Structures are given as structure tokens and as C-alpha cells.
Amino acid sequence: MDISPYIDHTLLKPTSLFEDIERLCREAVMHRFAAVCVPPPFIDFARKCTASTGVKVATVIGFPFGYSSSAAKLAEAESAIGSQADELDIVINLIRLKSGQWNQLEAEMQLLTRLIHDHRKVVKVIIETGVLTEKEIIKCCQMYGNLGVDFLKTSTGYAEKGASVEAVSLMRKHLPTSVRIKASGGIRTYDFAIKLIEAGADRLGSSASVAIAEEALAAK
């Protein structure tokens, strides 16, 4: 299976350097990955490195914990849009979720989705499935699905548990068909990547993308 078009080649370490991002972009172009996912300060540089290649530039908003204010997330999103990011991966406020403040969560993402879609960019919402109950995952699917986001994403990679086949299957069952799924967090092998795709994932976020792509070639 040609797995490359599923992959967001990711580097989000706070100690990342320009040379690291340049290598990330070079690898993404070489392997024809869907996108690179980089910290906000590197958006402009990543766009230059991937110009005219078809590789999208994604970034993160409210990363990694999601508990920054709605105003701060809106400012981050506006800045990312100004830097011409193609896709924005937004972390929800888990404190609000665990406190049952669903109306506030909905209002925040409604504002962000409207802003991002007005600029014809892609919205990916990170719900951190590894720390949610099944009921909470289902409620996220229903609420964010109704808001018309483009992707629901499993994880930041910073929680104790990342993507799982079970979570992706549950999300696919309860999301509208128009909303795609991005699995991320702990995806390091071709075998696991394939299982996630078979469960319903449309995109995979990984920092082990090159190894996965090479495994895919070896498996042909």
C-alpha cells in the first residue's frame, strides 16, 4: 500500500532548529507525504522549503495542552493564517471537557472554525482520546461533527496514551462521513499505521514517517 499520502510528517519539539525543519521538509518532499506539521515559528520557513511541491504545511494551535484562552487560540490561528499555513491542528480545552463545560467548548471551536474556513484553510481538532472515556469521545464526535470541522484528531503525542485502533473505530462510527480522522501519537511502525487506516483513519501524524515509508516499500 502507498502509505505516503496519508502521512503528516511531524516535528513539534520545542528545541527544534531550522536545520531540523529543513530536513523534515526535504524528507516530506522525497517521500511525497501529505504535509509537514511544524511549530508556528517555522511556518514561513517550511512554506519556502516545500514551495511548488504539493506538500502542505500544517501547524498547531493551543499546543500541547489546549487550556489557553479562546482569545489566545484565535490570535494564534490568525497568525498561522497570516503565515499561510494550510492546515491548523487545534487542541481542545480538556479542563472544560472534564468539567462538563461543553457549551464553552462548542463556542470556542465555532469561532475558530469560522475564522479558518473563511480563509479556506483546514481545521483539525485534537481531542486527546487517550484520556477520554468512550462517552466523551462519542460526544466530541457529535459536537465537532455538527460544527463541520475537517478532521477529528486523536492525540497530541504528549498524553500518556496516543492513537489506538479502538479509538479510531469508535470515532469513525460516530462521525459524519464528511469529517475525516487523523490518528497521531505513538505511530512508529507500518503495521500499526495500516491497522489505523483500516479502522478508518484518513491521515496519520508521525515523527517516524520515513521509517514507516521505508517499511511500506519493503512490504511490496
N, C-alpha and C. Protein backbone atom coordinates (compact mmCIF):
# COMPACT_ATOMS: atom_id res chain seq x y z
N MET A 1 0.84 -1.20 0.00
CA MET A 1 0.00 0.00 0.00
C MET A 1 0.88 1.26 0.00
N ASP A 2 0.50 2.24 -0.81
CA ASP A 2 1.23 3.51 -0.83
C ASP A 2 0.73 4.35 0.35
N ILE A 3 1.49 4.34 1.42
CA ILE A 3 1.05 4.99 2.65
C ILE A 3 1.44 6.47 2.72
N SER A 4 2.34 6.90 1.89
CA SER A 4 2.86 8.27 1.97
C SER A 4 1.79 9.35 1.94
N PRO A 5 0.76 9.25 1.07
CA PRO A 5 -0.25 10.31 1.02
C PRO A 5 -1.09 10.44 2.29
N TYR A 6 -0.97 9.48 3.19
CA TYR A 6 -1.71 9.54 4.45
C TYR A 6 -0.96 10.32 5.54
N ILE A 7 0.31 10.57 5.34
CA ILE A 7 1.18 10.97 6.45
C ILE A 7 1.41 12.48 6.55
N ASP A 8 1.24 13.00 7.77
CA ASP A 8 1.72 14.33 8.14
C ASP A 8 3.07 14.12 8.85
N HIS A 9 4.14 14.47 8.19
CA HIS A 9 5.49 14.29 8.74
C HIS A 9 5.69 15.38 9.80
N THR A 10 5.92 14.96 11.03
CA THR A 10 5.75 15.87 12.17
C THR A 10 7.02 16.07 12.98
N LEU A 11 7.26 17.33 13.34
CA LEU A 11 8.33 17.68 14.28
C LEU A 11 7.85 18.87 15.11
N LEU A 12 7.54 18.61 16.38
CA LEU A 12 6.97 19.65 17.23
C LEU A 12 7.76 19.86 18.52
N LYS A 13 8.98 19.35 18.57
CA LYS A 13 9.81 19.54 19.76
C LYS A 13 10.13 21.02 19.96
N PRO A 14 10.08 21.51 21.20
CA PRO A 14 10.38 22.92 21.45
C PRO A 14 11.83 23.29 21.21
N THR A 15 12.70 22.29 21.06
CA THR A 15 14.12 22.54 20.79
C THR A 15 14.46 22.41 19.30
N SER A 16 13.45 22.32 18.44
CA SER A 16 13.67 22.16 17.01
C SER A 16 14.46 23.34 16.44
N LEU A 17 15.32 23.05 15.47
CA LEU A 17 16.14 24.07 14.82
C LEU A 17 15.74 24.18 13.34
N PHE A 18 16.16 25.26 12.70
CA PHE A 18 15.84 25.44 11.28
C PHE A 18 16.36 24.29 10.44
N GLU A 19 17.55 23.79 10.79
CA GLU A 19 18.09 22.68 10.00
C GLU A 19 17.24 21.41 10.17
N ASP A 20 16.62 21.26 11.35
CA ASP A 20 15.73 20.12 11.56
C ASP A 20 14.49 20.23 10.68
N ILE A 21 13.95 21.43 10.60
CA ILE A 21 12.76 21.65 9.77
C ILE A 21 13.09 21.50 8.29
N GLU A 22 14.27 21.97 7.90
CA GLU A 22 14.69 21.80 6.50
C GLU A 22 14.78 20.33 6.14
N ARG A 23 15.35 19.52 7.04
CA ARG A 23 15.43 18.07 6.80
C ARG A 23 14.03 17.45 6.74
N LEU A 24 13.15 17.86 7.66
CA LEU A 24 11.78 17.36 7.69
C LEU A 24 11.09 17.62 6.35
N CYS A 25 11.24 18.83 5.84
CA CYS A 25 10.61 19.20 4.58
C CYS A 25 11.21 18.42 3.41
N ARG A 26 12.51 18.27 3.43
CA ARG A 26 13.19 17.53 2.36
C ARG A 26 12.70 16.08 2.33
N GLU A 27 12.56 15.48 3.51
CA GLU A 27 12.06 14.10 3.59
C GLU A 27 10.62 14.01 3.12
N ALA A 28 9.82 15.00 3.49
CA ALA A 28 8.40 15.01 3.09
C ALA A 28 8.26 15.10 1.58
N VAL A 29 9.07 15.93 0.97
CA VAL A 29 9.04 16.07 -0.50
C VAL A 29 9.51 14.77 -1.15
N MET A 30 10.58 14.20 -0.63
CA MET A 30 11.15 12.98 -1.20
C MET A 30 10.14 11.82 -1.16
N HIS A 31 9.43 11.71 -0.04
CA HIS A 31 8.51 10.57 0.14
C HIS A 31 7.07 10.91 -0.25
N ARG A 32 6.84 12.16 -0.69
CA ARG A 32 5.51 12.60 -1.12
C ARG A 32 4.47 12.49 0.00
N PHE A 33 4.87 12.91 1.22
CA PHE A 33 3.92 12.92 2.32
C PHE A 33 2.87 14.00 2.10
N ALA A 34 1.75 13.86 2.77
CA ALA A 34 0.65 14.82 2.60
C ALA A 34 1.05 16.21 3.09
N ALA A 35 1.74 16.26 4.23
CA ALA A 35 2.06 17.55 4.85
C ALA A 35 3.24 17.41 5.79
N VAL A 36 3.81 18.56 6.13
CA VAL A 36 4.69 18.64 7.29
C VAL A 36 3.92 19.37 8.38
N CYS A 37 4.09 18.96 9.62
CA CYS A 37 3.45 19.63 10.74
C CYS A 37 4.56 20.21 11.62
N VAL A 38 4.58 21.54 11.73
CA VAL A 38 5.70 22.23 12.37
C VAL A 38 5.20 23.22 13.41
N PRO A 39 6.04 23.62 14.36
CA PRO A 39 5.66 24.66 15.32
C PRO A 39 5.40 25.99 14.59
N PRO A 40 4.52 26.83 15.14
CA PRO A 40 4.17 28.09 14.47
C PRO A 40 5.34 28.96 14.03
N PRO A 41 6.45 29.06 14.80
CA PRO A 41 7.54 29.92 14.33
C PRO A 41 8.21 29.47 13.03
N PHE A 42 7.95 28.23 12.62
CA PHE A 42 8.59 27.69 11.42
C PHE A 42 7.68 27.66 10.19
N ILE A 43 6.47 28.19 10.29
CA ILE A 43 5.54 28.09 9.17
C ILE A 43 6.12 28.70 7.90
N ASP A 44 6.58 29.95 8.00
CA ASP A 44 7.12 30.65 6.82
C ASP A 44 8.28 29.87 6.20
N PHE A 45 9.17 29.39 7.05
CA PHE A 45 10.35 28.66 6.56
C PHE A 45 9.92 27.36 5.89
N ALA A 46 8.98 26.64 6.50
CA ALA A 46 8.51 25.37 5.92
C ALA A 46 7.82 25.61 4.58
N ARG A 47 7.10 26.70 4.45
CA ARG A 47 6.46 27.01 3.17
C ARG A 47 7.51 27.21 2.08
N LYS A 48 8.58 27.89 2.41
CA LYS A 48 9.66 28.09 1.42
C LYS A 48 10.30 26.76 1.03
N CYS A 49 10.48 25.90 2.02
CA CYS A 49 11.12 24.60 1.77
C CYS A 49 10.25 23.66 0.95
N THR A 50 8.94 23.85 1.00
CA THR A 50 8.02 22.94 0.29
C THR A 50 7.34 23.60 -0.89
N ALA A 51 7.75 24.80 -1.24
CA ALA A 51 7.09 25.56 -2.31
C ALA A 51 7.01 24.76 -3.60
N SER A 52 5.83 24.74 -4.20
CA SER A 52 5.59 24.11 -5.51
C SER A 52 5.82 22.61 -5.51
N THR A 53 5.75 21.97 -4.35
CA THR A 53 5.97 20.52 -4.28
C THR A 53 4.68 19.74 -4.05
N GLY A 54 3.61 20.41 -3.63
CA GLY A 54 2.37 19.72 -3.29
C GLY A 54 2.27 19.31 -1.84
N VAL A 55 3.37 19.44 -1.09
CA VAL A 55 3.35 19.11 0.34
C VAL A 55 2.75 20.30 1.11
N LYS A 56 1.71 20.04 1.89
CA LYS A 56 1.05 21.08 2.67
C LYS A 56 1.85 21.40 3.93
N VAL A 57 1.59 22.59 4.48
CA VAL A 57 2.20 22.97 5.75
C VAL A 57 1.10 23.06 6.81
N ALA A 58 1.24 22.24 7.84
CA ALA A 58 0.31 22.25 8.97
C ALA A 58 1.03 22.79 10.20
N THR A 59 0.25 23.34 11.11
CA THR A 59 0.82 23.80 12.38
C THR A 59 -0.17 23.52 13.50
N VAL A 60 0.20 23.87 14.72
CA VAL A 60 -0.62 23.55 15.88
C VAL A 60 -1.07 24.83 16.59
N ILE A 61 -2.25 24.74 17.19
CA ILE A 61 -2.86 25.85 17.93
C ILE A 61 -3.23 25.37 19.33
N GLY A 62 -2.84 26.15 20.35
CA GLY A 62 -3.14 25.74 21.73
C GLY A 62 -2.37 24.50 22.15
N PHE A 63 -1.25 24.28 21.54
CA PHE A 63 -0.48 23.05 21.72
C PHE A 63 0.51 23.19 22.89
N PRO A 64 0.72 22.12 23.70
CA PRO A 64 0.11 20.79 23.59
C PRO A 64 -1.07 20.54 24.53
N PHE A 65 -1.37 21.48 25.44
CA PHE A 65 -2.34 21.17 26.50
C PHE A 65 -3.74 21.73 26.27
N GLY A 66 -3.88 22.71 25.38
CA GLY A 66 -5.21 23.17 24.99
C GLY A 66 -5.91 24.10 25.95
N TYR A 67 -5.29 24.41 27.09
CA TYR A 67 -6.03 25.21 28.08
C TYR A 67 -5.74 26.70 28.00
N SER A 68 -5.12 27.16 26.93
CA SER A 68 -5.01 28.61 26.72
C SER A 68 -6.40 29.16 26.41
N SER A 69 -6.56 30.46 26.56
CA SER A 69 -7.88 31.07 26.37
C SER A 69 -8.30 31.02 24.92
N SER A 70 -9.60 31.18 24.71
CA SER A 70 -10.12 31.22 23.34
C SER A 70 -9.51 32.39 22.57
N ALA A 71 -9.34 33.52 23.25
CA ALA A 71 -8.74 34.70 22.61
C ALA A 71 -7.31 34.40 22.16
N ALA A 72 -6.56 33.67 22.99
CA ALA A 72 -5.19 33.32 22.63
C ALA A 72 -5.17 32.37 21.43
N LYS A 73 -6.09 31.40 21.41
CA LYS A 73 -6.14 30.47 20.28
C LYS A 73 -6.53 31.19 18.99
N LEU A 74 -7.46 32.13 19.10
CA LEU A 74 -7.85 32.90 17.92
C LEU A 74 -6.67 33.71 17.39
N ALA A 75 -5.90 34.29 18.31
CA ALA A 75 -4.72 35.07 17.90
C ALA A 75 -3.69 34.16 17.23
N GLU A 76 -3.49 32.97 17.80
CA GLU A 76 -2.56 32.01 17.19
C GLU A 76 -3.03 31.61 15.79
N ALA A 77 -4.34 31.36 15.67
CA ALA A 77 -4.89 30.96 14.37
C ALA A 77 -4.74 32.07 13.35
N GLU A 78 -5.02 33.30 13.76
CA GLU A 78 -4.86 34.43 12.84
C GLU A 78 -3.41 34.57 12.38
N SER A 79 -2.48 34.38 13.31
CA SER A 79 -1.05 34.45 12.96
C SER A 79 -0.67 33.34 11.99
N ALA A 80 -1.15 32.12 12.25
CA ALA A 80 -0.84 30.98 11.38
C ALA A 80 -1.41 31.19 9.99
N ILE A 81 -2.62 31.73 9.92
CA ILE A 81 -3.25 32.02 8.63
C ILE A 81 -2.43 33.10 7.89
N GLY A 82 -1.99 34.11 8.64
CA GLY A 82 -1.18 35.16 8.05
C GLY A 82 0.14 34.65 7.50
N SER A 83 0.66 33.58 8.11
CA SER A 83 1.90 32.96 7.64
C SER A 83 1.65 31.93 6.55
N GLN A 84 0.38 31.78 6.15
CA GLN A 84 -0.02 30.90 5.05
C GLN A 84 0.07 29.41 5.38
N ALA A 85 -0.19 29.05 6.65
CA ALA A 85 -0.34 27.63 6.96
C ALA A 85 -1.56 27.10 6.23
N ASP A 86 -1.48 25.87 5.75
CA ASP A 86 -2.60 25.26 5.03
C ASP A 86 -3.58 24.58 5.96
N GLU A 87 -3.06 24.01 7.05
CA GLU A 87 -3.89 23.22 7.96
C GLU A 87 -3.54 23.58 9.41
N LEU A 88 -4.56 23.69 10.25
CA LEU A 88 -4.36 24.07 11.65
C LEU A 88 -4.91 22.99 12.56
N ASP A 89 -4.04 22.41 13.37
CA ASP A 89 -4.40 21.35 14.31
C ASP A 89 -4.59 21.97 15.70
N ILE A 90 -5.84 21.99 16.18
CA ILE A 90 -6.20 22.75 17.38
C ILE A 90 -6.49 21.81 18.55
N VAL A 91 -5.84 22.05 19.68
CA VAL A 91 -6.07 21.24 20.88
C VAL A 91 -7.26 21.81 21.65
N ILE A 92 -8.22 20.94 21.98
CA ILE A 92 -9.37 21.39 22.75
C ILE A 92 -8.96 21.61 24.22
N ASN A 93 -9.81 22.31 24.95
CA ASN A 93 -9.58 22.58 26.37
C ASN A 93 -10.12 21.41 27.19
N LEU A 94 -9.23 20.50 27.56
CA LEU A 94 -9.65 19.29 28.29
C LEU A 94 -10.16 19.61 29.69
N ILE A 95 -9.70 20.71 30.27
CA ILE A 95 -10.23 21.10 31.58
C ILE A 95 -11.71 21.39 31.47
N ARG A 96 -12.09 22.10 30.42
CA ARG A 96 -13.52 22.38 30.20
C ARG A 96 -14.30 21.09 29.94
N LEU A 97 -13.71 20.20 29.13
CA LEU A 97 -14.40 18.93 28.84
C LEU A 97 -14.64 18.13 30.12
N LYS A 98 -13.58 17.94 30.90
CA LYS A 98 -13.70 17.14 32.11
C LYS A 98 -14.58 17.82 33.16
N SER A 99 -14.78 19.14 33.02
CA SER A 99 -15.66 19.87 33.93
C SER A 99 -17.10 19.93 33.40
N GLY A 100 -17.33 19.32 32.26
CA GLY A 100 -18.67 19.29 31.69
C GLY A 100 -19.09 20.59 31.02
N GLN A 101 -18.13 21.44 30.65
CA GLN A 101 -18.44 22.74 30.06
C GLN A 101 -18.48 22.64 28.53
N TRP A 102 -19.40 21.84 28.04
CA TRP A 102 -19.49 21.54 26.62
C TRP A 102 -19.90 22.76 25.80
N ASN A 103 -20.75 23.62 26.37
CA ASN A 103 -21.17 24.82 25.63
C ASN A 103 -19.99 25.73 25.33
N GLN A 104 -19.08 25.85 26.31
CA GLN A 104 -17.89 26.69 26.10
C GLN A 104 -16.96 26.08 25.05
N LEU A 105 -16.83 24.75 25.08
CA LEU A 105 -16.01 24.06 24.07
C LEU A 105 -16.58 24.29 22.67
N GLU A 106 -17.90 24.18 22.57
CA GLU A 106 -18.56 24.36 21.28
C GLU A 106 -18.39 25.79 20.77
N ALA A 107 -18.58 26.75 21.67
CA ALA A 107 -18.47 28.16 21.28
C ALA A 107 -17.06 28.48 20.80
N GLU A 108 -16.05 27.96 21.50
CA GLU A 108 -14.66 28.21 21.10
C GLU A 108 -14.38 27.68 19.70
N MET A 109 -14.78 26.43 19.45
CA MET A 109 -14.45 25.84 18.16
C MET A 109 -15.30 26.42 17.03
N GLN A 110 -16.48 26.91 17.36
CA GLN A 110 -17.31 27.57 16.36
C GLN A 110 -16.60 28.81 15.83
N LEU A 111 -16.03 29.60 16.75
CA LEU A 111 -15.29 30.80 16.36
C LEU A 111 -14.07 30.45 15.51
N LEU A 112 -13.31 29.46 15.98
CA LEU A 112 -12.08 29.07 15.28
C LEU A 112 -12.38 28.48 13.90
N THR A 113 -13.40 27.63 13.84
CA THR A 113 -13.75 27.01 12.56
C THR A 113 -14.20 28.06 11.55
N ARG A 114 -15.00 29.01 12.01
CA ARG A 114 -15.48 30.06 11.10
C ARG A 114 -14.29 30.87 10.56
N LEU A 115 -13.39 31.26 11.45
CA LEU A 115 -12.21 32.03 11.04
C LEU A 115 -11.37 31.26 10.02
N ILE A 116 -11.08 30.01 10.34
CA ILE A 116 -10.19 29.21 9.49
C ILE A 116 -10.84 28.89 8.15
N HIS A 117 -12.11 28.54 8.16
CA HIS A 117 -12.80 28.23 6.91
C HIS A 117 -13.02 29.48 6.06
N ASP A 118 -13.17 30.63 6.69
CA ASP A 118 -13.30 31.87 5.93
C ASP A 118 -12.05 32.12 5.08
N HIS A 119 -10.92 31.60 5.56
CA HIS A 119 -9.66 31.74 4.81
C HIS A 119 -9.32 30.48 4.01
N ARG A 120 -10.29 29.59 3.92
CA ARG A 120 -10.15 28.36 3.11
C ARG A 120 -8.99 27.49 3.56
N LYS A 121 -8.82 27.41 4.86
CA LYS A 121 -7.82 26.52 5.45
C LYS A 121 -8.52 25.33 6.10
N VAL A 122 -7.73 24.34 6.48
CA VAL A 122 -8.26 23.08 7.02
C VAL A 122 -8.20 23.08 8.55
N VAL A 123 -9.31 22.66 9.17
CA VAL A 123 -9.42 22.59 10.64
C VAL A 123 -9.30 21.15 11.10
N LYS A 124 -8.30 20.89 11.95
CA LYS A 124 -8.19 19.58 12.59
C LYS A 124 -8.32 19.79 14.11
N VAL A 125 -9.23 19.08 14.74
CA VAL A 125 -9.49 19.26 16.16
C VAL A 125 -8.92 18.07 16.94
N ILE A 126 -8.00 18.36 17.86
CA ILE A 126 -7.34 17.31 18.65
C ILE A 126 -8.10 17.12 19.96
N ILE A 127 -8.65 15.92 20.17
CA ILE A 127 -9.47 15.69 21.36
C ILE A 127 -8.76 14.86 22.44
N GLU A 128 -7.59 14.34 22.17
CA GLU A 128 -6.79 13.56 23.13
C GLU A 128 -7.57 12.34 23.64
N THR A 129 -7.83 11.41 22.71
CA THR A 129 -8.66 10.24 23.02
C THR A 129 -8.11 9.38 24.15
N GLY A 130 -6.81 9.38 24.34
CA GLY A 130 -6.20 8.52 25.36
C GLY A 130 -6.59 8.85 26.78
N VAL A 131 -7.11 10.06 27.00
CA VAL A 131 -7.52 10.44 28.36
C VAL A 131 -9.04 10.65 28.45
N LEU A 132 -9.77 10.22 27.41
CA LEU A 132 -11.22 10.37 27.40
C LEU A 132 -11.92 9.02 27.56
N THR A 133 -13.13 9.06 28.09
CA THR A 133 -13.98 7.87 28.14
C THR A 133 -14.64 7.69 26.77
N GLU A 134 -15.22 6.52 26.56
CA GLU A 134 -15.94 6.29 25.30
C GLU A 134 -17.07 7.30 25.12
N LYS A 135 -17.79 7.57 26.19
CA LYS A 135 -18.89 8.53 26.12
C LYS A 135 -18.39 9.92 25.73
N GLU A 136 -17.24 10.31 26.28
CA GLU A 136 -16.68 11.62 25.95
C GLU A 136 -16.22 11.69 24.49
N ILE A 137 -15.63 10.60 23.99
CA ILE A 137 -15.22 10.55 22.59
C ILE A 137 -16.44 10.67 21.68
N ILE A 138 -17.49 9.94 22.00
CA ILE A 138 -18.71 9.98 21.19
C ILE A 138 -19.31 11.38 21.20
N LYS A 139 -19.34 12.01 22.36
CA LYS A 139 -19.90 13.36 22.44
C LYS A 139 -19.06 14.35 21.62
N CYS A 140 -17.73 14.18 21.65
CA CYS A 140 -16.86 15.02 20.81
C CYS A 140 -17.17 14.81 19.33
N CYS A 141 -17.36 13.57 18.94
CA CYS A 141 -17.68 13.26 17.54
C CYS A 141 -18.96 13.97 17.12
N GLN A 142 -19.97 13.90 17.97
CA GLN A 142 -21.25 14.50 17.64
C GLN A 142 -21.15 16.02 17.59
N MET A 143 -20.50 16.63 18.59
CA MET A 143 -20.45 18.08 18.67
C MET A 143 -19.57 18.67 17.57
N TYR A 144 -18.34 18.17 17.45
CA TYR A 144 -17.44 18.74 16.46
C TYR A 144 -17.85 18.36 15.04
N GLY A 145 -18.46 17.19 14.91
CA GLY A 145 -19.00 16.80 13.61
C GLY A 145 -20.08 17.76 13.16
N ASN A 146 -20.95 18.16 14.06
CA ASN A 146 -22.02 19.11 13.73
C ASN A 146 -21.47 20.49 13.40
N LEU A 147 -20.29 20.82 13.93
CA LEU A 147 -19.69 22.13 13.64
C LEU A 147 -19.04 22.17 12.26
N GLY A 148 -18.88 21.00 11.65
CA GLY A 148 -18.32 20.96 10.29
C GLY A 148 -16.82 21.07 10.21
N VAL A 149 -16.10 20.62 11.25
CA VAL A 149 -14.64 20.62 11.17
C VAL A 149 -14.20 19.63 10.10
N ASP A 150 -12.97 19.75 9.64
CA ASP A 150 -12.50 18.89 8.56
C ASP A 150 -11.98 17.54 9.05
N PHE A 151 -11.27 17.57 10.18
CA PHE A 151 -10.72 16.35 10.77
C PHE A 151 -10.98 16.36 12.28
N LEU A 152 -11.20 15.19 12.85
CA LEU A 152 -11.07 14.99 14.28
C LEU A 152 -9.80 14.16 14.48
N LYS A 153 -8.97 14.61 15.38
CA LYS A 153 -7.63 14.02 15.54
C LYS A 153 -7.51 13.40 16.92
N THR A 154 -6.88 12.25 16.99
CA THR A 154 -6.85 11.50 18.26
C THR A 154 -6.03 12.17 19.35
N SER A 155 -4.82 12.63 19.03
CA SER A 155 -3.87 12.91 20.11
C SER A 155 -2.83 13.96 19.74
N THR A 156 -2.24 14.55 20.78
CA THR A 156 -1.11 15.46 20.59
C THR A 156 0.21 14.71 20.54
N GLY A 157 0.24 13.52 21.16
CA GLY A 157 1.50 12.81 21.33
C GLY A 157 2.14 13.12 22.68
N TYR A 158 1.52 14.03 23.44
CA TYR A 158 2.07 14.42 24.74
C TYR A 158 1.34 13.79 25.92
N ALA A 159 0.20 13.15 25.67
CA ALA A 159 -0.53 12.46 26.75
C ALA A 159 0.08 11.08 26.97
N GLU A 160 -0.36 10.41 28.05
CA GLU A 160 0.21 9.10 28.37
C GLU A 160 -0.16 8.03 27.36
N LYS A 161 -1.21 8.27 26.56
CA LYS A 161 -1.62 7.30 25.55
C LYS A 161 -1.94 8.04 24.25
N GLY A 162 -1.44 7.51 23.14
CA GLY A 162 -1.68 8.15 21.85
C GLY A 162 -2.81 7.49 21.10
N ALA A 163 -2.61 7.33 19.79
CA ALA A 163 -3.65 6.75 18.94
C ALA A 163 -3.87 5.28 19.26
N SER A 164 -5.10 4.84 19.05
CA SER A 164 -5.40 3.42 19.17
C SER A 164 -6.42 3.04 18.10
N VAL A 165 -6.37 1.78 17.70
CA VAL A 165 -7.33 1.28 16.71
C VAL A 165 -8.75 1.40 17.25
N GLU A 166 -8.92 1.14 18.54
CA GLU A 166 -10.25 1.19 19.15
C GLU A 166 -10.83 2.59 19.09
N ALA A 167 -10.00 3.59 19.39
CA ALA A 167 -10.48 4.98 19.37
C ALA A 167 -10.85 5.40 17.95
N VAL A 168 -10.01 5.05 16.99
CA VAL A 168 -10.29 5.42 15.60
C VAL A 168 -11.59 4.75 15.12
N SER A 169 -11.79 3.48 15.46
CA SER A 169 -13.01 2.77 15.07
C SER A 169 -14.24 3.43 15.68
N LEU A 170 -14.12 3.81 16.95
CA LEU A 170 -15.23 4.47 17.63
C LEU A 170 -15.55 5.82 16.99
N MET A 171 -14.52 6.58 16.67
CA MET A 171 -14.70 7.87 16.03
C MET A 171 -15.37 7.72 14.66
N ARG A 172 -14.89 6.75 13.87
CA ARG A 172 -15.48 6.56 12.55
C ARG A 172 -16.95 6.18 12.63
N LYS A 173 -17.30 5.45 13.64
CA LYS A 173 -18.69 5.01 13.83
C LYS A 173 -19.61 6.19 14.14
N HIS A 174 -19.09 7.20 14.83
CA HIS A 174 -19.95 8.28 15.33
C HIS A 174 -19.75 9.62 14.65
N LEU A 175 -18.83 9.71 13.71
CA LEU A 175 -18.61 10.95 12.97
C LEU A 175 -19.41 10.96 11.67
N PRO A 176 -19.82 12.15 11.21
CA PRO A 176 -20.39 12.23 9.87
C PRO A 176 -19.34 11.81 8.84
N THR A 177 -19.78 11.28 7.73
CA THR A 177 -18.84 10.82 6.70
C THR A 177 -18.00 11.98 6.14
N SER A 178 -18.50 13.20 6.29
CA SER A 178 -17.78 14.37 5.78
C SER A 178 -16.58 14.74 6.63
N VAL A 179 -16.52 14.24 7.87
CA VAL A 179 -15.42 14.56 8.78
C VAL A 179 -14.40 13.43 8.75
N ARG A 180 -13.17 13.78 8.41
CA ARG A 180 -12.12 12.78 8.34
C ARG A 180 -11.44 12.61 9.69
N ILE A 181 -10.62 11.58 9.80
CA ILE A 181 -9.95 11.26 11.06
C ILE A 181 -8.44 11.31 10.86
N LYS A 182 -7.77 12.00 11.79
CA LYS A 182 -6.31 11.96 11.82
C LYS A 182 -5.89 11.23 13.08
N ALA A 183 -5.17 10.15 12.92
CA ALA A 183 -4.61 9.41 14.04
C ALA A 183 -3.19 9.88 14.27
N SER A 184 -2.83 10.13 15.52
CA SER A 184 -1.47 10.56 15.83
C SER A 184 -1.13 10.16 17.25
N GLY A 185 0.16 10.12 17.52
CA GLY A 185 0.62 9.74 18.85
C GLY A 185 1.03 8.28 18.91
N GLY A 186 2.34 8.03 18.88
CA GLY A 186 2.85 6.67 19.03
C GLY A 186 2.80 5.81 17.78
N ILE A 187 2.67 6.42 16.62
CA ILE A 187 2.62 5.65 15.36
C ILE A 187 4.05 5.52 14.83
N ARG A 188 4.63 4.35 15.02
CA ARG A 188 6.05 4.17 14.70
C ARG A 188 6.33 3.03 13.72
N THR A 189 5.30 2.23 13.39
CA THR A 189 5.52 1.10 12.50
C THR A 189 4.48 1.08 11.38
N TYR A 190 4.87 0.48 10.27
CA TYR A 190 3.97 0.33 9.13
C TYR A 190 2.75 -0.51 9.51
N ASP A 191 2.97 -1.58 10.26
CA ASP A 191 1.87 -2.47 10.65
C ASP A 191 0.80 -1.72 11.44
N PHE A 192 1.22 -0.91 12.41
CA PHE A 192 0.27 -0.15 13.21
C PHE A 192 -0.43 0.91 12.35
N ALA A 193 0.33 1.54 11.47
CA ALA A 193 -0.25 2.55 10.58
C ALA A 193 -1.35 1.95 9.72
N ILE A 194 -1.10 0.77 9.16
CA ILE A 194 -2.11 0.11 8.33
C ILE A 194 -3.35 -0.23 9.14
N LYS A 195 -3.17 -0.70 10.35
CA LYS A 195 -4.33 -1.03 11.21
C LYS A 195 -5.18 0.21 11.49
N LEU A 196 -4.54 1.34 11.67
CA LEU A 196 -5.28 2.58 11.92
C LEU A 196 -6.04 3.01 10.67
N ILE A 197 -5.43 2.87 9.51
CA ILE A 197 -6.11 3.21 8.26
C ILE A 197 -7.30 2.28 8.04
N GLU A 198 -7.10 1.01 8.29
CA GLU A 198 -8.19 0.04 8.13
C GLU A 198 -9.34 0.33 9.10
N ALA A 199 -9.01 0.91 10.25
CA ALA A 199 -10.04 1.25 11.25
C ALA A 199 -10.79 2.52 10.88
N GLY A 200 -10.24 3.30 9.94
CA GLY A 200 -10.94 4.50 9.50
C GLY A 200 -10.13 5.77 9.44
N ALA A 201 -8.84 5.71 9.75
CA ALA A 201 -8.01 6.92 9.71
C ALA A 201 -7.74 7.35 8.27
N ASP A 202 -7.87 8.65 8.03
CA ASP A 202 -7.61 9.22 6.71
C ASP A 202 -6.24 9.88 6.64
N ARG A 203 -5.69 10.21 7.79
CA ARG A 203 -4.40 10.88 7.88
C ARG A 203 -3.69 10.36 9.12
N LEU A 204 -2.36 10.31 9.08
CA LEU A 204 -1.55 9.83 10.19
C LEU A 204 -0.50 10.88 10.52
N GLY A 205 -0.43 11.28 11.77
CA GLY A 205 0.62 12.19 12.21
C GLY A 205 1.73 11.40 12.87
N SER A 206 2.95 11.55 12.37
CA SER A 206 4.04 10.74 12.91
C SER A 206 5.38 11.44 12.72
N SER A 207 6.26 11.21 13.68
CA SER A 207 7.65 11.66 13.53
C SER A 207 8.54 10.52 13.02
N ALA A 208 7.94 9.32 12.91
CA ALA A 208 8.68 8.16 12.39
C ALA A 208 8.26 7.87 10.96
N SER A 209 7.85 8.90 10.25
CA SER A 209 7.28 8.75 8.90
C SER A 209 8.22 8.07 7.92
N VAL A 210 9.50 8.45 7.94
CA VAL A 210 10.45 7.90 6.99
C VAL A 210 10.61 6.39 7.19
N ALA A 211 10.71 5.98 8.43
CA ALA A 211 10.83 4.54 8.74
C ALA A 211 9.58 3.80 8.29
N ILE A 212 8.41 4.40 8.50
CA ILE A 212 7.16 3.76 8.07
C ILE A 212 7.11 3.65 6.55
N ALA A 213 7.50 4.70 5.86
CA ALA A 213 7.51 4.68 4.40
C ALA A 213 8.48 3.64 3.86
N GLU A 214 9.62 3.51 4.51
CA GLU A 214 10.61 2.50 4.07
C GLU A 214 10.11 1.10 4.34
N GLU A 215 9.41 0.90 5.44
CA GLU A 215 8.78 -0.40 5.72
C GLU A 215 7.74 -0.72 4.66
N ALA A 216 6.98 0.29 4.26
CA ALA A 216 5.95 0.10 3.23
C ALA A 216 6.57 -0.35 1.92
N LEU A 217 7.69 0.25 1.55
CA LEU A 217 8.38 -0.15 0.32
C LEU A 217 8.89 -1.59 0.42
N ALA A 218 9.41 -1.94 1.58
CA ALA A 218 9.93 -3.29 1.78
C ALA A 218 8.82 -4.34 1.74
N ALA A 219 7.60 -3.91 2.12
CA ALA A 219 6.48 -4.85 2.19
C ALA A 219 5.86 -5.12 0.82
N LYS A 220 6.23 -4.32 -0.20
CA LYS A 220 5.65 -4.51 -1.54
C LYS A 220 6.11 -5.80 -2.20
